[in-house]
Amino acid sequence: MPVETFFVFQDVRDDIAGAQAIGARGILVKTGKYRAGDENKISPPPAFVCSSFPEAVDLIVEKISKES
């Protein structure tokens, strides 16, 4: 089974776009550097947008458990 890689960041342009450029799934968290509407500033948009880091971790755990 292929390994899926997730990157969790607050910076949509430098971090999320970069992660997605190498084939990882970018998860944008709405904390720190995040500004309203950032998820619409790159194409493709982040794979997921979460309100917090713990929410992002829960999402990843859920995705992994569904694949097992």
C-alpha atoms as a PDB file:
ATOM      1  CA  MET A   1       0.000   0.000   0.000  1.00  0.00           C
ATOM      2  CA  PRO A   2       1.459   3.430  -0.925  1.00  0.00           C
ATOM      3  CA  VAL A   3       2.285   5.813   1.881  1.00  0.00           C
ATOM      4  CA  GLU A   4       0.300   9.021   1.920  1.00  0.00           C
ATOM      5  CA  THR A   5       2.105  12.096   3.220  1.00  0.00           C
ATOM      6  CA  PHE A   6       0.372  14.986   4.933  1.00  0.00           C
ATOM      7  CA  PHE A   7       1.923  18.357   5.728  1.00  0.00           C
ATOM      8  CA  VAL A   8       0.202  20.616   8.259  1.00  0.00           C
ATOM      9  CA  PHE A   9       1.019  24.326   7.965  1.00  0.00           C
ATOM     10  CA  GLN A  10      -0.309  27.849   8.532  1.00  0.00           C
ATOM     11  CA  ASP A  11       1.292  29.440   5.458  1.00  0.00           C
ATOM     12  CA  VAL A  12      -0.644  28.644   2.308  1.00  0.00           C
ATOM     13  CA  ARG A  13       1.739  29.986  -0.347  1.00  0.00           C
ATOM     14  CA  ASP A  14       5.159  28.865   0.848  1.00  0.00           C
ATOM     15  CA  ASP A  15       4.291  25.770   2.846  1.00  0.00           C
ATOM     16  CA  ILE A  16       1.046  24.255   1.543  1.00  0.00           C
ATOM     17  CA  ALA A  17       1.786  25.017  -2.119  1.00  0.00           C
ATOM     18  CA  GLY A  18       5.304  23.615  -1.704  1.00  0.00           C
ATOM     19  CA  ALA A  19       4.082  20.441  -0.040  1.00  0.00           C
ATOM     20  CA  GLN A  20       1.516  19.867  -2.755  1.00  0.00           C
ATOM     21  CA  ALA A  21       4.109  20.531  -5.458  1.00  0.00           C
ATOM     22  CA  ILE A  22       6.011  17.428  -4.273  1.00  0.00           C
ATOM     23  CA  GLY A  23       2.883  15.270  -4.117  1.00  0.00           C
ATOM     24  CA  ALA A  24       1.995  15.560  -0.427  1.00  0.00           C
ATOM     25  CA  ARG A  25      -1.447  16.528   0.804  1.00  0.00           C
ATOM     26  CA  GLY A  26      -1.428  19.979   2.346  1.00  0.00           C
ATOM     27  CA  ILE A  27      -3.551  20.684   5.395  1.00  0.00           C
ATOM     28  CA  LEU A  28      -3.991  24.380   6.151  1.00  0.00           C
ATOM     29  CA  VAL A  29      -4.680  25.273   9.770  1.00  0.00           C
ATOM     30  CA  LYS A  30      -6.450  28.518  10.576  1.00  0.00           C
ATOM     31  CA  THR A  31      -3.954  29.676  13.193  1.00  0.00           C
ATOM     32  CA  GLY A  32      -0.853  31.886  13.312  1.00  0.00           C
ATOM     33  CA  LYS A  33      -0.075  33.141   9.783  1.00  0.00           C
ATOM     34  CA  TYR A  34      -3.500  32.180   8.407  1.00  0.00           C
ATOM     35  CA  ARG A  35      -5.672  34.997   7.056  1.00  0.00           C
ATOM     36  CA  ALA A  36      -9.304  34.657   5.981  1.00  0.00           C
ATOM     37  CA  GLY A  37      -9.513  33.427   2.413  1.00  0.00           C
ATOM     38  CA  ASP A  38      -5.956  32.044   2.246  1.00  0.00           C
ATOM     39  CA  GLU A  39      -7.315  28.681   1.136  1.00  0.00           C
ATOM     40  CA  ASN A  40      -8.459  30.349  -2.106  1.00  0.00           C
ATOM     41  CA  LYS A  41      -5.062  31.878  -2.936  1.00  0.00           C
ATOM     42  CA  ILE A  42      -3.413  28.793  -4.452  1.00  0.00           C
ATOM     43  CA  SER A  43      -4.331  26.272  -7.104  1.00  0.00           C
ATOM     44  CA  PRO A  44      -4.912  23.536  -6.373  1.00  0.00           C
ATOM     45  CA  PRO A  45      -6.316  24.580  -3.003  1.00  0.00           C
ATOM     46  CA  PRO A  46      -5.219  22.815   0.194  1.00  0.00           C
ATOM     47  CA  ALA A  47      -6.403  19.225   0.442  1.00  0.00           C
ATOM     48  CA  PHE A  48      -8.034  20.096   3.770  1.00  0.00           C
ATOM     49  CA  VAL A  49      -8.581  23.184   5.920  1.00  0.00           C
ATOM     50  CA  CYS A  50      -8.822  22.773   9.699  1.00  0.00           C
ATOM     51  CA  SER A  51      -9.476  25.196  12.531  1.00  0.00           C
ATOM     52  CA  SER A  52      -6.602  23.925  14.656  1.00  0.00           C
ATOM     53  CA  PHE A  53      -3.626  21.586  14.741  1.00  0.00           C
ATOM     54  CA  PRO A  54      -5.460  19.023  16.926  1.00  0.00           C
ATOM     55  CA  GLU A  55      -8.294  18.978  14.369  1.00  0.00           C
ATOM     56  CA  ALA A  56      -5.748  18.310  11.617  1.00  0.00           C
ATOM     57  CA  VAL A  57      -4.251  15.419  13.603  1.00  0.00           C
ATOM     58  CA  ASP A  58      -7.732  13.946  14.135  1.00  0.00           C
ATOM     59  CA  LEU A  59      -8.393  14.186  10.394  1.00  0.00           C
ATOM     60  CA  ILE A  60      -5.134  12.390   9.567  1.00  0.00           C
ATOM     61  CA  VAL A  61      -5.826   9.638  12.112  1.00  0.00           C
ATOM     62  CA  GLU A  62      -9.336   9.218  10.675  1.00  0.00           C
ATOM     63  CA  LYS A  63      -7.980   8.961   7.105  1.00  0.00           C
ATOM     64  CA  ILE A  64      -5.362   6.396   8.131  1.00  0.00           C
ATOM     65  CA  SER A  65      -7.828   4.272  10.115  1.00  0.00           C
ATOM     66  CA  LYS A  66     -10.265   4.172   7.165  1.00  0.00           C
ATOM     67  CA  GLU A  67      -7.492   2.859   4.902  1.00  0.00           C
ATOM     68  CA  SER A  68      -6.434   0.101   7.319  1.00  0.00           C
END
